[in-house]
């Protein structure tokens, strides 16, 4: 390929939003539909009630889940990096194998949530109620942070934020 053609191809690729959000999928999720494998990048799902839904394998990176109620919802293997979930309720939710790096679960209710194999790098659990969460290990929590109000399963601890 000629240098000019390479530059043109590179410019075209740079201008194409790779993995941009899918507005139709976000609207469908806001209306209460399950959306496994969907691209919900930067979706505003705050203050929504989505009980018993599936977002398994979905991309929810940088989504706003603040004050949402998502009991028994599956986020298995989902991308939840940098999610804001302040004050949300995730009773019995499934986060197994999900990436929650950099997410904020401040003041979140996570009783019965499953964290088996979840990545919790720099995840903020300050004030979170998760003493009945399952699948948590000390290794996971040592990479996250919390505060004196964070409620953890017996025998586990979390570094301060």
C-alpha atoms as a PDB file:
ATOM      1  CA  UNK A   1       0.000   0.000   0.000  1.00  0.00           C
ATOM      2  CA  UNK A   2       1.220   3.520  -0.762  1.00  0.00           C
ATOM      3  CA  UNK A   3       1.978   5.835   2.189  1.00  0.00           C
ATOM      4  CA  UNK A   4      -0.914   8.156   1.318  1.00  0.00           C
ATOM      5  CA  UNK A   5      -3.360   5.236   1.184  1.00  0.00           C
ATOM      6  CA  UNK A   6      -2.077   4.024   4.565  1.00  0.00           C
ATOM      7  CA  UNK A   7      -2.625   7.468   6.068  1.00  0.00           C
ATOM      8  CA  UNK A   8      -6.154   7.615   4.667  1.00  0.00           C
ATOM      9  CA  UNK A   9      -6.978   4.156   6.024  1.00  0.00           C
ATOM     10  CA  UNK A  10      -5.556   5.064   9.445  1.00  0.00           C
ATOM     11  CA  UNK A  11      -7.584   8.293   9.530  1.00  0.00           C
ATOM     12  CA  UNK A  12     -10.760   6.404   8.639  1.00  0.00           C
ATOM     13  CA  UNK A  13     -10.175   3.847  11.402  1.00  0.00           C
ATOM     14  CA  UNK A  14      -9.415   6.581  13.925  1.00  0.00           C
ATOM     15  CA  UNK A  15     -12.644   8.387  13.040  1.00  0.00           C
ATOM     16  CA  UNK A  16     -14.748   5.238  13.461  1.00  0.00           C
ATOM     17  CA  UNK A  17     -15.858   4.859  17.075  1.00  0.00           C
ATOM     18  CA  UNK A  18     -14.756   1.360  17.990  1.00  0.00           C
ATOM     19  CA  UNK A  19     -17.170  -0.204  20.432  1.00  0.00           C
ATOM     20  CA  UNK A  20     -19.324   2.923  20.771  1.00  0.00           C
ATOM     21  CA  UNK A  21     -22.526   2.612  22.749  1.00  0.00           C
ATOM     22  CA  UNK A  22     -25.659   1.245  21.139  1.00  0.00           C
ATOM     23  CA  UNK A  23     -28.521   3.697  21.770  1.00  0.00           C
ATOM     24  CA  UNK A  24     -31.178   1.148  20.787  1.00  0.00           C
ATOM     25  CA  UNK A  25     -29.843  -1.418  23.242  1.00  0.00           C
ATOM     26  CA  UNK A  26     -29.636   1.209  26.001  1.00  0.00           C
ATOM     27  CA  UNK A  27     -33.251   2.283  25.387  1.00  0.00           C
ATOM     28  CA  UNK A  28     -34.366  -1.352  25.436  1.00  0.00           C
ATOM     29  CA  UNK A  29     -32.561  -1.972  28.738  1.00  0.00           C
ATOM     30  CA  UNK A  30     -34.066   1.180  30.283  1.00  0.00           C
ATOM     31  CA  UNK A  31     -37.509  -0.152  29.343  1.00  0.00           C
ATOM     32  CA  UNK A  32     -36.734  -3.351  31.291  1.00  0.00           C
ATOM     33  CA  UNK A  33     -35.413  -5.805  28.716  1.00  0.00           C
ATOM     34  CA  UNK A  34     -32.593  -8.217  29.417  1.00  0.00           C
ATOM     35  CA  UNK A  35     -29.617  -7.462  27.232  1.00  0.00           C
ATOM     36  CA  UNK A  36     -26.916 -10.151  27.450  1.00  0.00           C
ATOM     37  CA  UNK A  37     -23.829  -9.283  25.409  1.00  0.00           C
ATOM     38  CA  UNK A  38     -25.119  -5.777  24.667  1.00  0.00           C
ATOM     39  CA  UNK A  39     -22.999  -2.659  24.317  1.00  0.00           C
ATOM     40  CA  UNK A  40     -24.257  -0.343  27.057  1.00  0.00           C
ATOM     41  CA  UNK A  41     -21.098   1.774  27.232  1.00  0.00           C
ATOM     42  CA  UNK A  42     -21.767   4.940  29.294  1.00  0.00           C
ATOM     43  CA  UNK A  43     -25.466   4.053  29.607  1.00  0.00           C
ATOM     44  CA  UNK A  44     -27.523   5.998  32.123  1.00  0.00           C
ATOM     45  CA  UNK A  45     -29.436   3.310  33.975  1.00  0.00           C
ATOM     46  CA  UNK A  46     -29.618   5.298  37.188  1.00  0.00           C
ATOM     47  CA  UNK A  47     -32.805   5.028  39.247  1.00  0.00           C
ATOM     48  CA  UNK A  48     -34.079   2.124  37.127  1.00  0.00           C
ATOM     49  CA  UNK A  49     -35.650  -1.085  38.442  1.00  0.00           C
ATOM     50  CA  UNK A  50     -34.366  -4.038  36.455  1.00  0.00           C
ATOM     51  CA  UNK A  51     -34.953  -7.035  38.716  1.00  0.00           C
ATOM     52  CA  UNK A  52     -34.065 -10.521  37.487  1.00  0.00           C
ATOM     53  CA  UNK A  53     -32.593  -9.389  34.160  1.00  0.00           C
ATOM     54  CA  UNK A  54     -29.490 -10.611  32.338  1.00  0.00           C
ATOM     55  CA  UNK A  55     -26.618  -8.396  31.296  1.00  0.00           C
ATOM     56  CA  UNK A  56     -24.224 -11.339  31.176  1.00  0.00           C
ATOM     57  CA  UNK A  57     -21.233 -10.551  28.989  1.00  0.00           C
ATOM     58  CA  UNK A  58     -22.487  -7.007  28.369  1.00  0.00           C
ATOM     59  CA  UNK A  59     -20.266  -3.940  28.115  1.00  0.00           C
ATOM     60  CA  UNK A  60     -21.429  -1.501  30.781  1.00  0.00           C
ATOM     61  CA  UNK A  61     -18.128   0.342  31.112  1.00  0.00           C
ATOM     62  CA  UNK A  62     -18.589   3.850  32.591  1.00  0.00           C
ATOM     63  CA  UNK A  63     -22.340   3.274  32.962  1.00  0.00           C
ATOM     64  CA  UNK A  64     -24.327   5.052  35.665  1.00  0.00           C
ATOM     65  CA  UNK A  65     -26.212   2.571  37.842  1.00  0.00           C
ATOM     66  CA  UNK A  66     -26.662   4.961  40.777  1.00  0.00           C
ATOM     67  CA  UNK A  67     -29.736   4.328  42.934  1.00  0.00           C
ATOM     68  CA  UNK A  68     -30.818   1.505  40.594  1.00  0.00           C
ATOM     69  CA  UNK A  69     -32.519  -1.637  41.899  1.00  0.00           C
ATOM     70  CA  UNK A  70     -31.129  -4.685  40.107  1.00  0.00           C
ATOM     71  CA  UNK A  71     -31.900  -7.596  42.424  1.00  0.00           C
ATOM     72  CA  UNK A  72     -31.130 -11.083  41.059  1.00  0.00           C
ATOM     73  CA  UNK A  73     -29.679  -9.546  37.895  1.00  0.00           C
ATOM     74  CA  UNK A  74     -26.809 -11.301  36.130  1.00  0.00           C
ATOM     75  CA  UNK A  75     -23.693  -9.363  35.239  1.00  0.00           C
ATOM     76  CA  UNK A  76     -21.632 -12.552  34.799  1.00  0.00           C
ATOM     77  CA  UNK A  77     -18.490 -11.897  32.709  1.00  0.00           C
ATOM     78  CA  UNK A  78     -19.663  -8.301  32.060  1.00  0.00           C
ATOM     79  CA  UNK A  79     -17.376  -5.286  31.633  1.00  0.00           C
ATOM     80  CA  UNK A  80     -18.301  -2.996  34.533  1.00  0.00           C
ATOM     81  CA  UNK A  81     -15.075  -0.996  34.623  1.00  0.00           C
ATOM     82  CA  UNK A  82     -15.463   2.532  35.980  1.00  0.00           C
ATOM     83  CA  UNK A  83     -19.191   2.050  36.698  1.00  0.00           C
ATOM     84  CA  UNK A  84     -20.877   4.456  39.125  1.00  0.00           C
ATOM     85  CA  UNK A  85     -23.315   2.524  41.324  1.00  0.00           C
ATOM     86  CA  UNK A  86     -23.758   4.866  44.297  1.00  0.00           C
ATOM     87  CA  UNK A  87     -26.577   3.715  46.549  1.00  0.00           C
ATOM     88  CA  UNK A  88     -27.772   0.964  44.207  1.00  0.00           C
ATOM     89  CA  UNK A  89     -29.351  -2.307  45.348  1.00  0.00           C
ATOM     90  CA  UNK A  90     -27.970  -5.571  43.943  1.00  0.00           C
ATOM     91  CA  UNK A  91     -29.447  -8.222  46.269  1.00  0.00           C
ATOM     92  CA  UNK A  92     -28.506 -11.644  44.905  1.00  0.00           C
ATOM     93  CA  UNK A  93     -26.913 -10.187  41.751  1.00  0.00           C
ATOM     94  CA  UNK A  94     -24.350 -12.279  39.881  1.00  0.00           C
ATOM     95  CA  UNK A  95     -21.011 -10.548  39.256  1.00  0.00           C
ATOM     96  CA  UNK A  96     -19.091 -13.803  38.719  1.00  0.00           C
ATOM     97  CA  UNK A  97     -16.199 -13.342  36.319  1.00  0.00           C
ATOM     98  CA  UNK A  98     -17.089  -9.653  35.796  1.00  0.00           C
ATOM     99  CA  UNK A  99     -14.513  -6.869  35.609  1.00  0.00           C
ATOM    100  CA  UNK A 100     -15.397  -4.175  38.176  1.00  0.00           C
ATOM    101  CA  UNK A 101     -12.028  -2.377  38.046  1.00  0.00           C
ATOM    102  CA  UNK A 102     -12.260   1.261  39.071  1.00  0.00           C
ATOM    103  CA  UNK A 103     -15.992   0.988  39.789  1.00  0.00           C
ATOM    104  CA  UNK A 104     -17.669   2.864  42.632  1.00  0.00           C
ATOM    105  CA  UNK A 105     -20.071   0.856  44.766  1.00  0.00           C
ATOM    106  CA  UNK A 106     -20.214   3.475  47.537  1.00  0.00           C
ATOM    107  CA  UNK A 107     -23.197   2.923  49.800  1.00  0.00           C
ATOM    108  CA  UNK A 108     -24.386   0.003  47.712  1.00  0.00           C
ATOM    109  CA  UNK A 109     -26.422  -2.940  49.015  1.00  0.00           C
ATOM    110  CA  UNK A 110     -24.806  -6.183  47.820  1.00  0.00           C
ATOM    111  CA  UNK A 111     -26.241  -8.823  50.162  1.00  0.00           C
ATOM    112  CA  UNK A 112     -26.188 -12.261  48.541  1.00  0.00           C
ATOM    113  CA  UNK A 113     -24.309 -10.985  45.478  1.00  0.00           C
ATOM    114  CA  UNK A 114     -21.900 -13.463  43.864  1.00  0.00           C
ATOM    115  CA  UNK A 115     -18.362 -12.191  43.213  1.00  0.00           C
ATOM    116  CA  UNK A 116     -16.674 -15.506  42.303  1.00  0.00           C
ATOM    117  CA  UNK A 117     -13.765 -14.731  39.985  1.00  0.00           C
ATOM    118  CA  UNK A 118     -14.665 -11.034  39.689  1.00  0.00           C
ATOM    119  CA  UNK A 119     -11.873  -8.499  39.135  1.00  0.00           C
ATOM    120  CA  UNK A 120     -12.057  -5.848  41.876  1.00  0.00           C
ATOM    121  CA  UNK A 121      -8.939  -3.795  41.081  1.00  0.00           C
ATOM    122  CA  UNK A 122      -9.385  -0.301  42.624  1.00  0.00           C
ATOM    123  CA  UNK A 123     -13.106  -0.906  43.206  1.00  0.00           C
ATOM    124  CA  UNK A 124     -14.512   1.389  45.923  1.00  0.00           C
ATOM    125  CA  UNK A 125     -16.839  -0.373  48.370  1.00  0.00           C
ATOM    126  CA  UNK A 126     -16.978   2.420  50.982  1.00  0.00           C
ATOM    127  CA  UNK A 127     -20.146   2.032  53.031  1.00  0.00           C
ATOM    128  CA  UNK A 128     -21.273  -1.007  51.041  1.00  0.00           C
ATOM    129  CA  UNK A 129     -23.313  -3.699  52.763  1.00  0.00           C
ATOM    130  CA  UNK A 130     -21.898  -6.983  51.545  1.00  0.00           C
ATOM    131  CA  UNK A 131     -21.477  -9.148  54.635  1.00  0.00           C
ATOM    132  CA  UNK A 132     -23.641 -11.854  53.041  1.00  0.00           C
ATOM    133  CA  UNK A 133     -21.998 -11.658  49.601  1.00  0.00           C
ATOM    134  CA  UNK A 134     -20.563 -14.926  48.281  1.00  0.00           C
ATOM    135  CA  UNK A 135     -17.512 -15.858  46.239  1.00  0.00           C
ATOM    136  CA  UNK A 136     -15.333 -13.093  47.710  1.00  0.00           C
ATOM    137  CA  UNK A 137     -11.716 -13.816  48.550  1.00  0.00           C
ATOM    138  CA  UNK A 138      -9.196 -11.847  50.553  1.00  0.00           C
ATOM    139  CA  UNK A 139      -7.054 -11.608  47.419  1.00  0.00           C
ATOM    140  CA  UNK A 140      -9.886  -9.844  45.555  1.00  0.00           C
ATOM    141  CA  UNK A 141     -10.638  -7.471  48.419  1.00  0.00           C
ATOM    142  CA  UNK A 142      -6.953  -6.617  48.911  1.00  0.00           C
ATOM    143  CA  UNK A 143      -7.063  -4.970  45.469  1.00  0.00           C
ATOM    144  CA  UNK A 144     -10.247  -3.008  46.273  1.00  0.00           C
ATOM    145  CA  UNK A 145     -10.888  -0.401  48.967  1.00  0.00           C
ATOM    146  CA  UNK A 146     -13.520   0.542  51.501  1.00  0.00           C
ATOM    147  CA  UNK A 147     -13.980   2.289  54.826  1.00  0.00           C
ATOM    148  CA  UNK A 148     -15.024   1.559  58.391  1.00  0.00           C
ATOM    149  CA  UNK A 149     -18.682   1.401  57.312  1.00  0.00           C
ATOM    150  CA  UNK A 150     -18.051  -1.333  54.708  1.00  0.00           C
ATOM    151  CA  UNK A 151     -19.697  -4.557  55.889  1.00  0.00           C
ATOM    152  CA  UNK A 152     -17.823  -7.672  54.732  1.00  0.00           C
ATOM    153  CA  UNK A 153     -18.237 -11.415  55.235  1.00  0.00           C
ATOM    154  CA  UNK A 154     -16.651 -12.659  58.449  1.00  0.00           C
ATOM    155  CA  UNK A 155     -12.889 -13.086  58.266  1.00  0.00           C
ATOM    156  CA  UNK A 156     -12.366 -10.736  55.308  1.00  0.00           C
ATOM    157  CA  UNK A 157     -10.945  -7.224  55.359  1.00  0.00           C
ATOM    158  CA  UNK A 158     -10.501  -4.392  52.887  1.00  0.00           C
ATOM    159  CA  UNK A 159      -7.848  -1.653  52.705  1.00  0.00           C
ATOM    160  CA  UNK A 160      -8.982   1.940  53.246  1.00  0.00           C
ATOM    161  CA  UNK A 161      -9.600   4.152  50.232  1.00  0.00           C
END
